[in-house]
Protein backbone atom coordinates (compact mmCIF):
# COMPACT_ATOMS: atom_id res chain seq x y z
CA MET A 1 17.43 9.10 29.80
CA LEU A 2 17.74 10.24 26.64
CA GLY A 3 19.63 7.06 25.24
CA LEU A 4 16.56 5.12 26.50
CA ALA A 5 14.09 7.00 24.54
CA ALA A 6 16.19 6.79 21.24
CA ALA A 7 16.36 3.07 21.78
CA VAL A 8 12.49 2.84 22.40
CA GLU A 9 12.08 5.03 19.11
CA ALA A 10 14.33 2.81 16.90
CA GLN A 11 12.39 -0.33 18.41
CA THR A 12 9.02 1.22 17.18
CA THR A 13 10.23 2.44 13.92
CA ASN A 14 11.68 -1.01 12.95
CA ALA A 15 8.65 -2.85 14.18
CA PRO A 16 6.66 -4.66 11.38
CA ARG A 17 3.64 -2.58 10.42
CA THR A 18 1.58 -4.98 8.40
CA TRP A 19 0.77 -8.64 9.15
CA PHE A 20 2.63 -9.81 6.21
CA ASP A 21 5.97 -7.95 7.29
CA ALA A 22 5.26 -9.71 10.70
CA PHE A 23 4.88 -12.91 9.26
CA ASN A 24 7.97 -12.49 7.07
CA ALA A 25 9.93 -11.64 10.00
CA THR A 26 9.17 -14.86 11.82
CA PRO A 27 12.59 -16.42 13.07
CA ASP A 28 13.70 -19.95 12.65
CA VAL A 29 11.01 -20.98 10.20
CA LEU A 30 11.37 -21.66 6.66
CA LEU A 31 9.28 -19.48 4.50
CA THR A 32 8.20 -19.80 0.78
CA ARG A 33 7.36 -16.69 -1.16
CA GLY A 34 5.37 -16.35 -4.35
CA MET A 35 4.73 -13.64 -6.35
CA SER A 36 2.79 -12.43 -9.36
CA ILE A 37 2.78 -9.01 -11.05
CA ILE A 38 -0.76 -7.87 -11.66
CA GLY A 39 0.06 -4.54 -13.41
CA LYS A 40 2.05 -1.22 -13.59
CA LEU A 41 1.14 2.32 -13.08
CA ASP A 42 3.57 4.07 -15.54
CA LYS A 43 1.96 6.82 -17.22
CA GLN A 44 0.73 10.18 -15.97
CA ILE A 45 2.39 9.43 -12.63
CA ASN A 46 5.65 10.84 -10.88
CA TYR A 47 7.12 7.48 -10.23
CA PRO A 48 6.20 4.10 -11.69
CA VAL A 49 4.46 1.65 -9.38
CA GLU A 50 4.12 -1.99 -9.86
CA ILE A 51 1.30 -3.88 -8.25
CA ARG A 52 2.01 -7.56 -7.22
CA VAL A 53 0.09 -10.11 -5.35
CA GLU A 54 2.60 -11.84 -2.54
CA ARG A 55 2.07 -14.87 -0.54
CA LEU A 56 4.38 -16.25 2.20
CA VAL A 57 3.97 -19.85 3.41
CA SER A 58 5.41 -21.39 6.62
CA GLN A 59 6.62 -24.96 5.53
CA GLN A 60 6.38 -26.03 9.21
CA THR A 61 2.71 -25.08 9.83
CA THR A 62 1.42 -24.45 6.09
CA ASN A 63 0.07 -21.30 7.26
CA ALA A 64 -0.25 -18.67 4.73
CA VAL A 65 -0.63 -14.87 4.47
CA TYR A 66 -1.38 -12.68 1.34
CA ALA A 67 -0.63 -9.07 0.67
CA VAL A 68 -0.69 -6.97 -2.28
CA ALA A 69 2.56 -4.95 -2.78
CA LEU A 70 2.95 -1.82 -4.33
CA ARG A 71 6.80 -1.15 -5.40
CA THR A 72 7.47 2.31 -6.23
CA LYS A 73 10.89 3.04 -8.01
CA VAL A 74 12.06 6.48 -6.84
CA GLY A 75 15.54 6.94 -8.34
CA GLN A 76 17.59 4.04 -7.34
CA THR A 77 15.45 3.01 -4.52
CA THR A 78 12.15 0.76 -4.58
CA LEU A 79 9.88 1.68 -1.84
CA ILE A 80 7.53 -1.19 -0.85
CA ASP A 81 4.02 -0.77 0.62
CA TYR A 82 2.23 -3.84 1.62
CA ILE A 83 -1.58 -3.89 1.89
CA ASP A 84 -2.47 -6.79 3.85
CA TYR A 85 -5.40 -9.09 2.64
CA ASP A 86 -7.86 -7.91 5.49
CA GLU A 87 -7.48 -4.28 4.19
CA LEU A 88 -8.08 -4.80 0.64
CA ASP A 89 -11.78 -4.63 0.75
CA ALA A 90 -11.69 -1.28 2.27
CA VAL A 91 -9.16 0.13 0.22
CA ILE A 92 -11.13 -1.19 -2.98
CA ARG A 93 -14.19 0.66 -1.74
CA SER A 94 -12.37 3.94 -1.00
CA VAL A 95 -10.45 4.20 -4.23
CA PRO A 96 -13.82 5.43 -6.19
CA LEU A 97 -14.60 7.79 -3.33
CA ILE A 98 -11.29 9.37 -3.52
CA SER A 99 -11.32 9.65 -7.19
CA GLN A 100 -14.99 11.41 -7.26
CA ALA A 101 -14.26 13.65 -4.15
CA ASP A 102 -14.66 17.40 -4.92
CA ALA A 103 -15.11 20.65 -2.99
CA SER A 104 -18.51 19.47 -2.20
CA VAL A 105 -17.21 17.13 0.52
CA ALA A 106 -16.43 19.84 2.84
CA PRO A 107 -18.16 23.30 3.11
CA MET A 108 -14.82 25.06 3.21
CA GLU A 109 -12.07 26.42 0.72
CA ARG A 110 -9.99 23.24 1.07
CA PHE A 111 -10.68 19.75 1.13
CA GLU A 112 -8.87 16.53 1.60
CA THR A 113 -9.91 12.81 1.30
CA SER A 114 -7.56 10.10 2.44
CA PHE A 115 -7.09 6.42 2.94
CA HIS A 116 -4.39 5.37 5.17
CA THR A 117 -3.34 1.63 5.16
CA ARG A 118 -1.76 -0.22 8.31
CA GLY A 119 1.70 0.22 6.84
CA GLY A 120 1.44 3.86 6.20
CA LEU A 121 0.54 3.95 2.59
CA THR A 122 -1.66 6.97 2.05
CA ILE A 123 -3.96 7.47 -0.81
CA SER A 124 -5.26 11.18 -1.04
CA LYS A 125 -6.93 13.89 -3.01
CA ILE A 126 -6.25 17.44 -1.81
CA GLY A 127 -8.16 20.15 -3.43
CA ARG A 128 -9.03 23.74 -3.27
CA LEU A 129 -12.37 24.60 -5.13
CA GLU A 130 -12.07 23.24 -8.64
CA LYS A 131 -8.26 22.44 -8.43
CA SER A 132 -7.23 18.96 -6.86
CA VAL A 133 -4.19 16.68 -7.06
CA ILE A 134 -4.12 12.98 -6.31
CA THR A 135 -1.31 11.48 -4.32
CA LEU A 136 0.14 8.19 -3.32
CA THR A 137 2.41 8.58 -0.08
CA SER A 138 4.54 5.57 0.70
CA GLY A 139 4.90 4.26 4.33
CA ASP A 140 8.28 2.59 3.61
CA ILE A 141 10.43 3.65 6.69
CA ARG A 142 13.32 4.08 3.95
CA ASP A 143 11.15 7.01 2.31
CA THR A 144 12.66 9.74 4.58
CA ASN A 145 11.61 12.63 2.46
CA GLY A 146 7.63 11.76 2.51
CA THR A 147 7.75 11.45 -1.29
CA ARG A 148 4.17 12.17 -2.78
CA ASN A 149 3.68 10.13 -5.80
CA GLN A 150 1.48 12.67 -7.95
CA LEU A 151 -1.00 10.88 -10.48
CA ALA A 152 -3.81 11.58 -12.95
CA PRO A 153 -7.47 10.54 -11.87
CA PHE A 154 -7.57 7.71 -14.35
CA VAL A 155 -4.53 6.31 -12.94
CA LEU A 156 -6.00 6.10 -9.55
CA ASN A 157 -9.01 4.05 -11.48
CA ASP A 158 -6.40 1.89 -12.84
CA LEU A 159 -5.03 1.41 -9.22
CA GLY A 160 -8.57 0.23 -7.96
CA THR A 161 -8.85 -2.22 -11.01
CA TYR A 162 -5.51 -3.71 -10.43
CA LEU A 163 -6.27 -4.10 -6.70
CA THR A 164 -9.42 -5.73 -7.41
CA THR A 165 -7.84 -8.09 -9.90
CA ALA A 166 -5.36 -8.84 -7.36
CA LYS A 167 -7.91 -9.76 -4.57
CA THR A 168 -9.57 -11.99 -7.17
CA LYS A 169 -6.25 -13.93 -7.88
CA ILE A 170 -5.66 -14.15 -3.89
CA ASP A 171 -9.39 -15.38 -3.38
CA ALA A 172 -8.80 -18.02 -6.14
CA ILE A 173 -5.56 -19.35 -4.92
CA ALA A 174 -7.04 -19.58 -1.23
CA ALA A 175 -10.17 -21.22 -2.48
CA SER A 176 -8.07 -23.92 -4.53
CA GLY A 177 -6.35 -25.09 -1.20
CA GLN A 178 -2.92 -24.48 -2.70
C-alpha cells in the first residue's frame, strides 16, 4: 500500500502545473516556441530574475498558448516559473497592493500579503509592525529548499512594470494574428 501512495505522490508532483506546461507536454505534436526577454531584475535582489514572454504553437492545429516566464538563477540552477496568460491581470493588479501593504492591513502584530499563481510562484510581503520583507518564492519542483528571493520594494514595482509590458506584447502578437 505504501508503494501505491508513493506512486500516486510521484504522479501528482510531476503533473503539469500550468496550462503552458500542459501544452508543452503534449505528445506526438510538433511545437514551436518563441521567446522574448522583457527585462531582468538584478539589483537589490538575492537571485537575478529574467522575465520573458513565451509562446507555444502547435504546428498541426495552429493553437497557441502564452505565458510569462520568471527565470531565477540560483547557483548553477535556473528555476522557471510560468504565469499563464489568464493569470496575468490578477498578478498585475496584486503587485502594487502587495508593495503598499503595511501593518494596517491586519490588526495584529504581524501581517502577510501573498499572491499564489497556479504554478506555485508566490509573491509575498511579510511584516511585523514597521519592518517588512518582500519575497518571491519559486514553485519550480526542482527548488526543494523553498528558496525565498528577497527583494527591495522598488524591485517589486519593476516586476509589475515588466509584467504589464509582457502582457502588452502578448496582446499585440495575438491581435496581429501571427
